[in-house]
Amino acid sequence: DEIHTSSLMVWAQFIDHELAHVPFPTMDNGEGIQCCPNGTLAPAALRHPRCMPIDLTGDAFYGPQGRTCMNFVRSMVAVGAGSECVFGYAEQLNQITHWIDGSVIYGS
């Protein structure tokens, strides 16, 4: 059963990479947004509005490493279909088609 479970996981990962590529915002200079420099939460005045850091306070694994925060940035969102730019629930933006085209194997 371990082999089958492992194969299923690999296949699921393959399909995921075929169907989804979620874009994330960057800083003006093109670098990624850092919510937790050096493993600690950035001061509120310097924190990007897209930051949604994960609190690691008291974590058994990361605590001994001196980390109290894990970087997490909200992905970019799209306007919903037919919404005519009316604000509402955020829709996930996807940069890839919904077709399984083998681009992971053959390239785009």
PDB file of N, CA and C in Angstrom:
ATOM      1  N   ASP A   1       0.809  -1.209   0.000  1.00  0.00           N
ATOM      2  CA  ASP A   1       0.000   0.000   0.000  1.00  0.00           C
ATOM      3  C   ASP A   1       0.846   1.266   0.000  1.00  0.00           C
ATOM      4  N   GLU A   2       2.051   1.205   0.601  1.00  0.00           N
ATOM      5  CA  GLU A   2       2.906   2.397   0.614  1.00  0.00           C
ATOM      6  C   GLU A   2       3.282   2.823  -0.795  1.00  0.00           C
ATOM      7  N   ILE A   3       3.551   1.871  -1.669  1.00  0.00           N
ATOM      8  CA  ILE A   3       3.919   2.187  -3.048  1.00  0.00           C
ATOM      9  C   ILE A   3       2.745   2.858  -3.752  1.00  0.00           C
ATOM     10  N   HIS A   4       1.539   2.338  -3.556  1.00  0.00           N
ATOM     11  CA  HIS A   4       0.361   2.911  -4.194  1.00  0.00           C
ATOM     12  C   HIS A   4       0.084   4.315  -3.669  1.00  0.00           C
ATOM     13  N   THR A   5       0.214   4.493  -2.364  1.00  0.00           N
ATOM     14  CA  THR A   5      -0.001   5.817  -1.769  1.00  0.00           C
ATOM     15  C   THR A   5       1.027   6.801  -2.296  1.00  0.00           C
ATOM     16  N   SER A   6       2.265   6.374  -2.383  1.00  0.00           N
ATOM     17  CA  SER A   6       3.333   7.224  -2.885  1.00  0.00           C
ATOM     18  C   SER A   6       3.084   7.588  -4.350  1.00  0.00           C
ATOM     19  N   SER A   7       2.674   6.617  -5.155  1.00  0.00           N
ATOM     20  CA  SER A   7       2.384   6.877  -6.564  1.00  0.00           C
ATOM     21  C   SER A   7       1.222   7.841  -6.718  1.00  0.00           C
ATOM     22  N   LEU A   8       0.204   7.677  -5.896  1.00  0.00           N
ATOM     23  CA  LEU A   8      -0.949   8.568  -5.937  1.00  0.00           C
ATOM     24  C   LEU A   8      -0.537   9.997  -5.595  1.00  0.00           C
ATOM     25  N   MET A   9       0.325  10.153  -4.608  1.00  0.00           N
ATOM     26  CA  MET A   9       0.800  11.471  -4.221  1.00  0.00           C
ATOM     27  C   MET A   9       1.570  12.133  -5.364  1.00  0.00           C
ATOM     28  N   VAL A  10       2.430  11.382  -6.029  1.00  0.00           N
ATOM     29  CA  VAL A  10       3.216  11.919  -7.137  1.00  0.00           C
ATOM     30  C   VAL A  10       2.294  12.313  -8.291  1.00  0.00           C
ATOM     31  N   TRP A  11       1.311  11.474  -8.610  1.00  0.00           N
ATOM     32  CA  TRP A  11       0.358  11.774  -9.675  1.00  0.00           C
ATOM     33  C   TRP A  11      -0.446  13.027  -9.324  1.00  0.00           C
ATOM     34  N   ALA A  12      -0.914  13.131  -8.094  1.00  0.00           N
ATOM     35  CA  ALA A  12      -1.685  14.302  -7.661  1.00  0.00           C
ATOM     36  C   ALA A  12      -0.846  15.573  -7.769  1.00  0.00           C
ATOM     37  N   GLN A  13       0.425  15.492  -7.407  1.00  0.00           N
ATOM     38  CA  GLN A  13       1.318  16.651  -7.517  1.00  0.00           C
ATOM     39  C   GLN A  13       1.509  17.044  -8.976  1.00  0.00           C
ATOM     40  N   PHE A  14       1.660  16.045  -9.852  1.00  0.00           N
ATOM     41  CA  PHE A  14       1.793  16.294 -11.283  1.00  0.00           C
ATOM     42  C   PHE A  14       0.559  17.029 -11.816  1.00  0.00           C
ATOM     43  N   ILE A  15      -0.626  16.532 -11.487  1.00  0.00           N
ATOM     44  CA  ILE A  15      -1.872  17.149 -11.947  1.00  0.00           C
ATOM     45  C   ILE A  15      -2.006  18.559 -11.382  1.00  0.00           C
ATOM     46  N   ASP A  16      -1.655  18.737 -10.126  1.00  0.00           N
ATOM     47  CA  ASP A  16      -1.711  20.068  -9.514  1.00  0.00           C
ATOM     48  C   ASP A  16      -0.843  21.055 -10.279  1.00  0.00           C
ATOM     49  N   HIS A  17       0.358  20.651 -10.640  1.00  0.00           N
ATOM     50  CA  HIS A  17       1.263  21.547 -11.358  1.00  0.00           C
ATOM     51  C   HIS A  17       0.805  21.797 -12.793  1.00  0.00           C
ATOM     52  N   GLU A  18      -0.008  20.903 -13.333  1.00  0.00           N
ATOM     53  CA  GLU A  18      -0.576  21.096 -14.663  1.00  0.00           C
ATOM     54  C   GLU A  18      -1.715  22.111 -14.648  1.00  0.00           C
ATOM     55  N   LEU A  19      -2.458  22.171 -13.555  1.00  0.00           N
ATOM     56  CA  LEU A  19      -3.701  22.938 -13.514  1.00  0.00           C
ATOM     57  C   LEU A  19      -3.632  24.254 -12.752  1.00  0.00           C
ATOM     58  N   ALA A  20      -2.627  24.447 -11.922  1.00  0.00           N
ATOM     59  CA  ALA A  20      -2.639  25.648 -11.084  1.00  0.00           C
ATOM     60  C   ALA A  20      -1.264  26.294 -10.961  1.00  0.00           C
ATOM     61  N   HIS A  21      -1.228  27.581 -11.138  1.00  0.00           N
ATOM     62  CA  HIS A  21      -0.041  28.389 -10.861  1.00  0.00           C
ATOM     63  C   HIS A  21      -0.550  29.737 -10.367  1.00  0.00           C
ATOM     64  N   VAL A  22      -0.516  29.915  -9.075  1.00  0.00           N
ATOM     65  CA  VAL A  22      -1.078  31.108  -8.455  1.00  0.00           C
ATOM     66  C   VAL A  22       0.004  32.178  -8.348  1.00  0.00           C
ATOM     67  N   PRO A  23      -0.235  33.357  -8.908  1.00  0.00           N
ATOM     68  CA  PRO A  23       0.756  34.431  -8.823  1.00  0.00           C
ATOM     69  C   PRO A  23       0.725  35.126  -7.466  1.00  0.00           C
ATOM     70  N   PHE A  24       1.879  35.566  -7.028  1.00  0.00           N
ATOM     71  CA  PHE A  24       2.000  36.299  -5.774  1.00  0.00           C
ATOM     72  C   PHE A  24       2.545  37.693  -6.062  1.00  0.00           C
ATOM     73  N   PRO A  25       2.086  38.684  -5.306  1.00  0.00           N
ATOM     74  CA  PRO A  25       2.605  40.041  -5.512  1.00  0.00           C
ATOM     75  C   PRO A  25       4.064  40.125  -5.075  1.00  0.00           C
ATOM     76  N   THR A  26       4.779  41.081  -5.620  1.00  0.00           N
ATOM     77  CA  THR A  26       6.176  41.310  -5.251  1.00  0.00           C
ATOM     78  C   THR A  26       6.360  42.773  -4.863  1.00  0.00           C
ATOM     79  N   MET A  27       7.511  43.066  -4.350  1.00  0.00           N
ATOM     80  CA  MET A  27       7.858  44.450  -4.032  1.00  0.00           C
ATOM     81  C   MET A  27       8.124  45.191  -5.342  1.00  0.00           C
ATOM     82  N   ASP A  28       8.228  46.505  -5.287  1.00  0.00           N
ATOM     83  CA  ASP A  28       8.473  47.308  -6.486  1.00  0.00           C
ATOM     84  C   ASP A  28       9.760  46.919  -7.210  1.00  0.00           C
ATOM     85  N   ASN A  29      10.742  46.410  -6.452  1.00  0.00           N
ATOM     86  CA  ASN A  29      12.011  46.016  -7.057  1.00  0.00           C
ATOM     87  C   ASN A  29      11.992  44.569  -7.577  1.00  0.00           C
ATOM     88  N   GLY A  30      10.831  43.900  -7.496  1.00  0.00           N
ATOM     89  CA  GLY A  30      10.695  42.542  -8.000  1.00  0.00           C
ATOM     90  C   GLY A  30      10.997  41.456  -6.986  1.00  0.00           C
ATOM     91  N   GLU A  31      11.497  41.808  -5.821  1.00  0.00           N
ATOM     92  CA  GLU A  31      11.802  40.812  -4.793  1.00  0.00           C
ATOM     93  C   GLU A  31      10.533  40.379  -4.078  1.00  0.00           C
ATOM     94  N   GLY A  32      10.583  39.195  -3.476  1.00  0.00           N
ATOM     95  CA  GLY A  32       9.440  38.676  -2.730  1.00  0.00           C
ATOM     96  C   GLY A  32       9.194  39.478  -1.457  1.00  0.00           C
ATOM     97  N   ILE A  33       7.971  39.440  -1.007  1.00  0.00           N
ATOM     98  CA  ILE A  33       7.575  40.147   0.212  1.00  0.00           C
ATOM     99  C   ILE A  33       8.033  39.346   1.414  1.00  0.00           C
ATOM    100  N   GLN A  34       8.711  39.992   2.350  1.00  0.00           N
ATOM    101  CA  GLN A  34       9.194  39.343   3.561  1.00  0.00           C
ATOM    102  C   GLN A  34       8.393  39.832   4.766  1.00  0.00           C
ATOM    103  N   CYS A  35       7.590  38.948   5.317  1.00  0.00           N
ATOM    104  CA  CYS A  35       6.806  39.281   6.508  1.00  0.00           C
ATOM    105  C   CYS A  35       7.591  38.965   7.781  1.00  0.00           C
ATOM    106  N   CYS A  36       8.521  38.030   7.675  1.00  0.00           N
ATOM    107  CA  CYS A  36       9.258  37.532   8.836  1.00  0.00           C
ATOM    108  C   CYS A  36      10.764  37.501   8.570  1.00  0.00           C
ATOM    109  N   PRO A  37      11.392  38.658   8.455  1.00  0.00           N
ATOM    110  CA  PRO A  37      12.844  38.623   8.241  1.00  0.00           C
ATOM    111  C   PRO A  37      13.550  37.972   9.424  1.00  0.00           C
ATOM    112  N   ASN A  38      14.475  37.077   9.146  1.00  0.00           N
ATOM    113  CA  ASN A  38      15.235  36.355  10.172  1.00  0.00           C
ATOM    114  C   ASN A  38      14.345  35.570  11.124  1.00  0.00           C
ATOM    115  N   GLY A  39      13.149  35.174  10.676  1.00  0.00           N
ATOM    116  CA  GLY A  39      12.275  34.339  11.498  1.00  0.00           C
ATOM    117  C   GLY A  39      11.470  35.067  12.551  1.00  0.00           C
ATOM    118  N   THR A  40      11.523  36.394  12.549  1.00  0.00           N
ATOM    119  CA  THR A  40      10.728  37.167  13.509  1.00  0.00           C
ATOM    120  C   THR A  40       9.817  38.130  12.755  1.00  0.00           C
ATOM    121  N   LEU A  41       8.674  38.424  13.326  1.00  0.00           N
ATOM    122  CA  LEU A  41       7.682  39.270  12.684  1.00  0.00           C
ATOM    123  C   LEU A  41       8.209  40.679  12.449  1.00  0.00           C
ATOM    124  N   ALA A  42       8.042  41.173  11.219  1.00  0.00           N
ATOM    125  CA  ALA A  42       8.463  42.539  10.889  1.00  0.00           C
ATOM    126  C   ALA A  42       7.577  43.526  11.656  1.00  0.00           C
ATOM    127  N   PRO A  43       8.133  44.672  12.057  1.00  0.00           N
ATOM    128  CA  PRO A  43       7.324  45.677  12.751  1.00  0.00           C
ATOM    129  C   PRO A  43       6.129  46.096  11.894  1.00  0.00           C
ATOM    130  N   ALA A  44       5.022  46.408  12.529  1.00  0.00           N
ATOM    131  CA  ALA A  44       3.781  46.750  11.823  1.00  0.00           C
ATOM    132  C   ALA A  44       3.988  47.862  10.803  1.00  0.00           C
ATOM    133  N   ALA A  45       4.802  48.850  11.134  1.00  0.00           N
ATOM    134  CA  ALA A  45       5.029  49.980  10.230  1.00  0.00           C
ATOM    135  C   ALA A  45       5.754  49.562   8.952  1.00  0.00           C
ATOM    136  N   LEU A  46       6.513  48.461   9.016  1.00  0.00           N
ATOM    137  CA  LEU A  46       7.281  47.996   7.854  1.00  0.00           C
ATOM    138  C   LEU A  46       6.645  46.794   7.165  1.00  0.00           C
ATOM    139  N   ARG A  47       5.573  46.268   7.720  1.00  0.00           N
ATOM    140  CA  ARG A  47       4.943  45.059   7.193  1.00  0.00           C
ATOM    141  C   ARG A  47       4.066  45.376   5.985  1.00  0.00           C
ATOM    142  N   HIS A  48       4.220  44.601   4.933  1.00  0.00           N
ATOM    143  CA  HIS A  48       3.433  44.765   3.711  1.00  0.00           C
ATOM    144  C   HIS A  48       1.971  44.397   4.004  1.00  0.00           C
ATOM    145  N   PRO A  49       1.007  45.095   3.389  1.00  0.00           N
ATOM    146  CA  PRO A  49      -0.400  44.785   3.658  1.00  0.00           C
ATOM    147  C   PRO A  49      -0.839  43.381   3.242  1.00  0.00           C
ATOM    148  N   ARG A  50      -0.095  42.718   2.349  1.00  0.00           N
ATOM    149  CA  ARG A  50      -0.437  41.354   1.929  1.00  0.00           C
ATOM    150  C   ARG A  50       0.083  40.286   2.895  1.00  0.00           C
ATOM    151  N   CYS A  51       0.849  40.706   3.909  1.00  0.00           N
ATOM    152  CA  CYS A  51       1.398  39.751   4.876  1.00  0.00           C
ATOM    153  C   CYS A  51       0.302  39.168   5.753  1.00  0.00           C
ATOM    154  N   MET A  52       0.343  37.858   5.876  1.00  0.00           N
ATOM    155  CA  MET A  52      -0.537  37.128   6.791  1.00  0.00           C
ATOM    156  C   MET A  52       0.329  36.078   7.482  1.00  0.00           C
ATOM    157  N   PRO A  53       1.328  36.521   8.268  1.00  0.00           N
ATOM    158  CA  PRO A  53       2.307  35.592   8.827  1.00  0.00           C
ATOM    159  C   PRO A  53       1.692  34.556   9.760  1.00  0.00           C
ATOM    160  N   ILE A  54       2.347  33.417   9.840  1.00  0.00           N
ATOM    161  CA  ILE A  54       1.924  32.326  10.706  1.00  0.00           C
ATOM    162  C   ILE A  54       2.729  32.404  11.994  1.00  0.00           C
ATOM    163  N   ASP A  55       2.038  32.474  13.114  1.00  0.00           N
ATOM    164  CA  ASP A  55       2.682  32.592  14.429  1.00  0.00           C
ATOM    165  C   ASP A  55       3.254  31.231  14.844  1.00  0.00           C
ATOM    166  N   LEU A  56       4.544  31.184  15.111  1.00  0.00           N
ATOM    167  CA  LEU A  56       5.215  29.952  15.519  1.00  0.00           C
ATOM    168  C   LEU A  56       5.592  29.958  16.995  1.00  0.00           C
ATOM    169  N   THR A  57       5.079  30.909  17.744  1.00  0.00           N
ATOM    170  CA  THR A  57       5.410  31.005  19.168  1.00  0.00           C
ATOM    171  C   THR A  57       5.084  29.695  19.869  1.00  0.00           C
ATOM    172  N   GLY A  58       6.053  29.137  20.562  1.00  0.00           N
ATOM    173  CA  GLY A  58       5.871  27.894  21.299  1.00  0.00           C
ATOM    174  C   GLY A  58       5.954  26.635  20.445  1.00  0.00           C
ATOM    175  N   ASP A  59       6.298  26.760  19.178  1.00  0.00           N
ATOM    176  CA  ASP A  59       6.396  25.596  18.306  1.00  0.00           C
ATOM    177  C   ASP A  59       7.586  24.729  18.714  1.00  0.00           C
ATOM    178  N   ALA A  60       7.354  23.424  18.817  1.00  0.00           N
ATOM    179  CA  ALA A  60       8.403  22.505  19.285  1.00  0.00           C
ATOM    180  C   ALA A  60       9.569  22.388  18.305  1.00  0.00           C
ATOM    181  N   PHE A  61       9.321  22.542  17.029  1.00  0.00           N
ATOM    182  CA  PHE A  61      10.384  22.409  16.037  1.00  0.00           C
ATOM    183  C   PHE A  61      11.095  23.735  15.789  1.00  0.00           C
ATOM    184  N   TYR A  62      10.314  24.798  15.491  1.00  0.00           N
ATOM    185  CA  TYR A  62      10.904  26.082  15.128  1.00  0.00           C
ATOM    186  C   TYR A  62      11.353  26.907  16.327  1.00  0.00           C
ATOM    187  N   GLY A  63      10.732  26.697  17.477  1.00  0.00           N
ATOM    188  CA  GLY A  63      11.097  27.462  18.678  1.00  0.00           C
ATOM    189  C   GLY A  63      12.579  27.369  19.023  1.00  0.00           C
ATOM    190  N   PRO A  64      13.145  26.154  19.102  1.00  0.00           N
ATOM    191  CA  PRO A  64      14.574  26.024  19.409  1.00  0.00           C
ATOM    192  C   PRO A  64      15.489  26.665  18.365  1.00  0.00           C
ATOM    193  N   GLN A  65      14.972  26.893  17.152  1.00  0.00           N
ATOM    194  CA  GLN A  65      15.758  27.546  16.109  1.00  0.00           C
ATOM    195  C   GLN A  65      15.659  29.064  16.190  1.00  0.00           C
ATOM    196  N   GLY A  66      14.877  29.558  17.141  1.00  0.00           N
ATOM    197  CA  GLY A  66      14.736  31.005  17.315  1.00  0.00           C
ATOM    198  C   GLY A  66      13.722  31.634  16.370  1.00  0.00           C
ATOM    199  N   ARG A  67      12.906  30.825  15.716  1.00  0.00           N
ATOM    200  CA  ARG A  67      11.894  31.345  14.786  1.00  0.00           C
ATOM    201  C   ARG A  67      10.563  31.481  15.513  1.00  0.00           C
ATOM    202  N   THR A  68       9.948  32.633  15.369  1.00  0.00           N
ATOM    203  CA  THR A  68       8.633  32.854  15.966  1.00  0.00           C
ATOM    204  C   THR A  68       7.587  33.184  14.909  1.00  0.00           C
ATOM    205  N   CYS A  69       7.995  33.175  13.649  1.00  0.00           N
ATOM    206  CA  CYS A  69       7.107  33.609  12.576  1.00  0.00           C
ATOM    207  C   CYS A  69       7.466  32.895  11.280  1.00  0.00           C
ATOM    208  N   MET A  70       6.432  32.502  10.501  1.00  0.00           N
ATOM    209  CA  MET A  70       6.646  31.904   9.186  1.00  0.00           C
ATOM    210  C   MET A  70       6.038  32.823   8.125  1.00  0.00           C
ATOM    211  N   ASN A  71       6.819  33.108   7.097  1.00  0.00           N
ATOM    212  CA  ASN A  71       6.380  33.996   6.034  1.00  0.00           C
ATOM    213  C   ASN A  71       5.156  33.416   5.325  1.00  0.00           C
ATOM    214  N   PHE A  72       4.112  34.222   5.170  1.00  0.00           N
ATOM    215  CA  PHE A  72       2.943  33.833   4.397  1.00  0.00           C
ATOM    216  C   PHE A  72       2.376  35.089   3.779  1.00  0.00           C
ATOM    217  N   VAL A  73       2.253  35.085   2.450  1.00  0.00           N
ATOM    218  CA  VAL A  73       1.766  36.250   1.708  1.00  0.00           C
ATOM    219  C   VAL A  73       0.507  35.848   0.960  1.00  0.00           C
ATOM    220  N   ARG A  74      -0.516  36.662   1.044  1.00  0.00           N
ATOM    221  CA  ARG A  74      -1.780  36.411   0.340  1.00  0.00           C
ATOM    222  C   ARG A  74      -1.530  36.498  -1.152  1.00  0.00           C
ATOM    223  N   SER A  75      -2.040  35.530  -1.900  1.00  0.00           N
ATOM    224  CA  SER A  75      -1.860  35.529  -3.352  1.00  0.00           C
ATOM    225  C   SER A  75      -2.653  36.657  -4.004  1.00  0.00           C
ATOM    226  N   MET A  76      -2.346  36.906  -5.273  1.00  0.00           N
ATOM    227  CA  MET A  76      -3.071  37.927  -6.023  1.00  0.00           C
ATOM    228  C   MET A  76      -4.487  37.431  -6.284  1.00  0.00           C
ATOM    229  N   VAL A  77      -5.415  38.349  -6.379  1.00  0.00           N
ATOM    230  CA  VAL A  77      -6.803  37.976  -6.601  1.00  0.00           C
ATOM    231  C   VAL A  77      -7.299  38.556  -7.919  1.00  0.00           C
ATOM    232  N   ALA A  78      -8.357  37.974  -8.440  1.00  0.00           N
ATOM    233  CA  ALA A  78      -8.953  38.414  -9.695  1.00  0.00           C
ATOM    234  C   ALA A  78     -10.374  38.887  -9.446  1.00  0.00           C
ATOM    235  N   VAL A  79     -10.867  39.706 -10.345  1.00  0.00           N
ATOM    236  CA  VAL A  79     -12.250  40.126 -10.286  1.00  0.00           C
ATOM    237  C   VAL A  79     -13.107  38.962 -10.763  1.00  0.00           C
ATOM    238  N   GLY A  80     -14.169  38.674 -10.050  1.00  0.00           N
ATOM    239  CA  GLY A  80     -15.050  37.566 -10.413  1.00  0.00           C
ATOM    240  C   GLY A  80     -15.741  37.807 -11.743  1.00  0.00           C
ATOM    241  N   ALA A  81     -16.079  36.744 -12.420  1.00  0.00           N
ATOM    242  CA  ALA A  81     -16.753  36.833 -13.720  1.00  0.00           C
ATOM    243  C   ALA A  81     -18.110  37.517 -13.566  1.00  0.00           C
ATOM    244  N   GLY A  82     -18.378  38.474 -14.415  1.00  0.00           N
ATOM    245  CA  GLY A  82     -19.659  39.153 -14.410  1.00  0.00           C
ATOM    246  C   GLY A  82     -19.860  40.124 -13.271  1.00  0.00           C
ATOM    247  N   SER A  83     -18.813  40.385 -12.500  1.00  0.00           N
ATOM    248  CA  SER A  83     -18.993  41.244 -11.327  1.00  0.00           C
ATOM    249  C   SER A  83     -18.877  42.726 -11.674  1.00  0.00           C
ATOM    250  N   GLU A  84     -18.437  43.047 -12.882  1.00  0.00           N
ATOM    251  CA  GLU A  84     -18.316  44.433 -13.331  1.00  0.00           C
ATOM    252  C   GLU A  84     -17.582  45.310 -12.316  1.00  0.00           C
ATOM    253  N   CYS A  85     -16.484  44.774 -11.809  1.00  0.00           N
ATOM    254  CA  CYS A  85     -15.595  45.476 -10.871  1.00  0.00           C
ATOM    255  C   CYS A  85     -16.276  45.849  -9.563  1.00  0.00           C
ATOM    256  N   VAL A  86     -17.262  45.083  -9.151  1.00  0.00           N
ATOM    257  CA  VAL A  86     -17.898  45.294  -7.860  1.00  0.00           C
ATOM    258  C   VAL A  86     -17.151  44.436  -6.849  1.00  0.00           C
ATOM    259  N   PHE A  87     -16.765  45.046  -5.729  1.00  0.00           N
ATOM    260  CA  PHE A  87     -16.032  44.291  -4.716  1.00  0.00           C
ATOM    261  C   PHE A  87     -16.928  43.255  -4.059  1.00  0.00           C
ATOM    262  N   GLY A  88     -16.361  42.129  -3.762  1.00  0.00           N
ATOM    263  CA  GLY A  88     -17.073  41.038  -3.108  1.00  0.00           C
ATOM    264  C   GLY A  88     -16.041  40.038  -2.631  1.00  0.00           C
ATOM    265  N   TYR A  89     -16.381  38.760  -2.692  1.00  0.00           N
ATOM    266  CA  TYR A  89     -15.432  37.732  -2.302  1.00  0.00           C
ATOM    267  C   TYR A  89     -14.266  37.698  -3.287  1.00  0.00           C
ATOM    268  N   ALA A  90     -13.071  37.463  -2.760  1.00  0.00           N
ATOM    269  CA  ALA A  90     -11.885  37.386  -3.611  1.00  0.00           C
ATOM    270  C   ALA A  90     -11.912  36.079  -4.403  1.00  0.00           C
ATOM    271  N   GLU A  91     -11.554  36.156  -5.661  1.00  0.00           N
ATOM    272  CA  GLU A  91     -11.447  34.977  -6.517  1.00  0.00           C
ATOM    273  C   GLU A  91      -9.971  34.677  -6.754  1.00  0.00           C
ATOM    274  N   GLN A  92      -9.590  33.408  -6.647  1.00  0.00           N
ATOM    275  CA  GLN A  92      -8.207  32.997  -6.866  1.00  0.00           C
ATOM    276  C   GLN A  92      -7.836  33.216  -8.333  1.00  0.00           C
ATOM    277  N   LEU A  93      -6.702  33.829  -8.574  1.00  0.00           N
ATOM    278  CA  LEU A  93      -6.198  34.052  -9.928  1.00  0.00           C
ATOM    279  C   LEU A  93      -5.311  32.873 -10.304  1.00  0.00           C
ATOM    280  N   ASN A  94      -5.459  32.376 -11.513  1.00  0.00           N
ATOM    281  CA  ASN A  94      -4.677  31.244 -11.989  1.00  0.00           C
ATOM    282  C   ASN A  94      -3.998  31.649 -13.287  1.00  0.00           C
ATOM    283  N   GLN A  95      -2.706  31.377 -13.422  1.00  0.00           N
ATOM    284  CA  GLN A  95      -1.957  31.759 -14.610  1.00  0.00           C
ATOM    285  C   GLN A  95      -1.873  30.638 -15.645  1.00  0.00           C
ATOM    286  N   ILE A  96      -2.522  29.505 -15.393  1.00  0.00           N
ATOM    287  CA  ILE A  96      -2.446  28.361 -16.294  1.00  0.00           C
ATOM    288  C   ILE A  96      -3.867  27.994 -16.725  1.00  0.00           C
ATOM    289  N   THR A  97      -3.992  27.346 -17.873  1.00  0.00           N
ATOM    290  CA  THR A  97      -5.302  26.889 -18.329  1.00  0.00           C
ATOM    291  C   THR A  97      -5.760  25.694 -17.510  1.00  0.00           C
ATOM    292  N   HIS A  98      -6.992  25.311 -17.679  1.00  0.00           N
ATOM    293  CA  HIS A  98      -7.548  24.162 -16.978  1.00  0.00           C
ATOM    294  C   HIS A  98      -7.352  22.862 -17.758  1.00  0.00           C
ATOM    295  N   TRP A  99      -6.558  22.905 -18.809  1.00  0.00           N
ATOM    296  CA  TRP A  99      -6.303  21.719 -19.624  1.00  0.00           C
ATOM    297  C   TRP A  99      -5.062  20.983 -19.134  1.00  0.00           C
ATOM    298  N   ILE A 100      -5.114  19.652 -19.141  1.00  0.00           N
ATOM    299  CA  ILE A 100      -3.925  18.843 -18.865  1.00  0.00           C
ATOM    300  C   ILE A 100      -3.210  18.701 -20.201  1.00  0.00           C
ATOM    301  N   ASP A 101      -2.182  19.503 -20.414  1.00  0.00           N
ATOM    302  CA  ASP A 101      -1.514  19.546 -21.718  1.00  0.00           C
ATOM    303  C   ASP A 101      -0.104  18.960 -21.711  1.00  0.00           C
ATOM    304  N   GLY A 102       0.373  18.500 -20.581  1.00  0.00           N
ATOM    305  CA  GLY A 102       1.711  17.923 -20.529  1.00  0.00           C
ATOM    306  C   GLY A 102       2.832  18.935 -20.539  1.00  0.00           C
ATOM    307  N   SER A 103       2.542  20.188 -20.247  1.00  0.00           N
ATOM    308  CA  SER A 103       3.594  21.207 -20.288  1.00  0.00           C
ATOM    309  C   SER A 103       4.689  20.949 -19.260  1.00  0.00           C
ATOM    310  N   VAL A 104       4.366  20.233 -18.200  1.00  0.00           N
ATOM    311  CA  VAL A 104       5.387  19.867 -17.208  1.00  0.00           C
ATOM    312  C   VAL A 104       6.426  18.955 -17.846  1.00  0.00           C
ATOM    313  N   ILE A 105       5.975  18.118 -18.779  1.00  0.00           N
ATOM    314  CA  ILE A 105       6.871  17.184 -19.468  1.00  0.00           C
ATOM    315  C   ILE A 105       7.538  17.848 -20.664  1.00  0.00           C
ATOM    316  N   TYR A 106       6.737  18.503 -21.515  1.00  0.00           N
ATOM    317  CA  TYR A 106       7.214  18.987 -22.810  1.00  0.00           C
ATOM    318  C   TYR A 106       7.588  20.462 -22.832  1.00  0.00           C
ATOM    319  N   GLY A 107       7.217  21.214 -21.825  1.00  0.00           N
ATOM    320  CA  GLY A 107       7.462  22.656 -21.821  1.00  0.00           C
ATOM    321  C   GLY A 107       6.260  23.389 -22.382  1.00  0.00           C
ATOM    322  N   SER A 108       6.229  24.678 -22.162  1.00  0.00           N
ATOM    323  CA  SER A 108       5.064  25.471 -22.604  1.00  0.00           C
ATOM    324  C   SER A 108       5.065  25.661 -24.103  1.00  0.00           C
TER     325      SER A 108
END
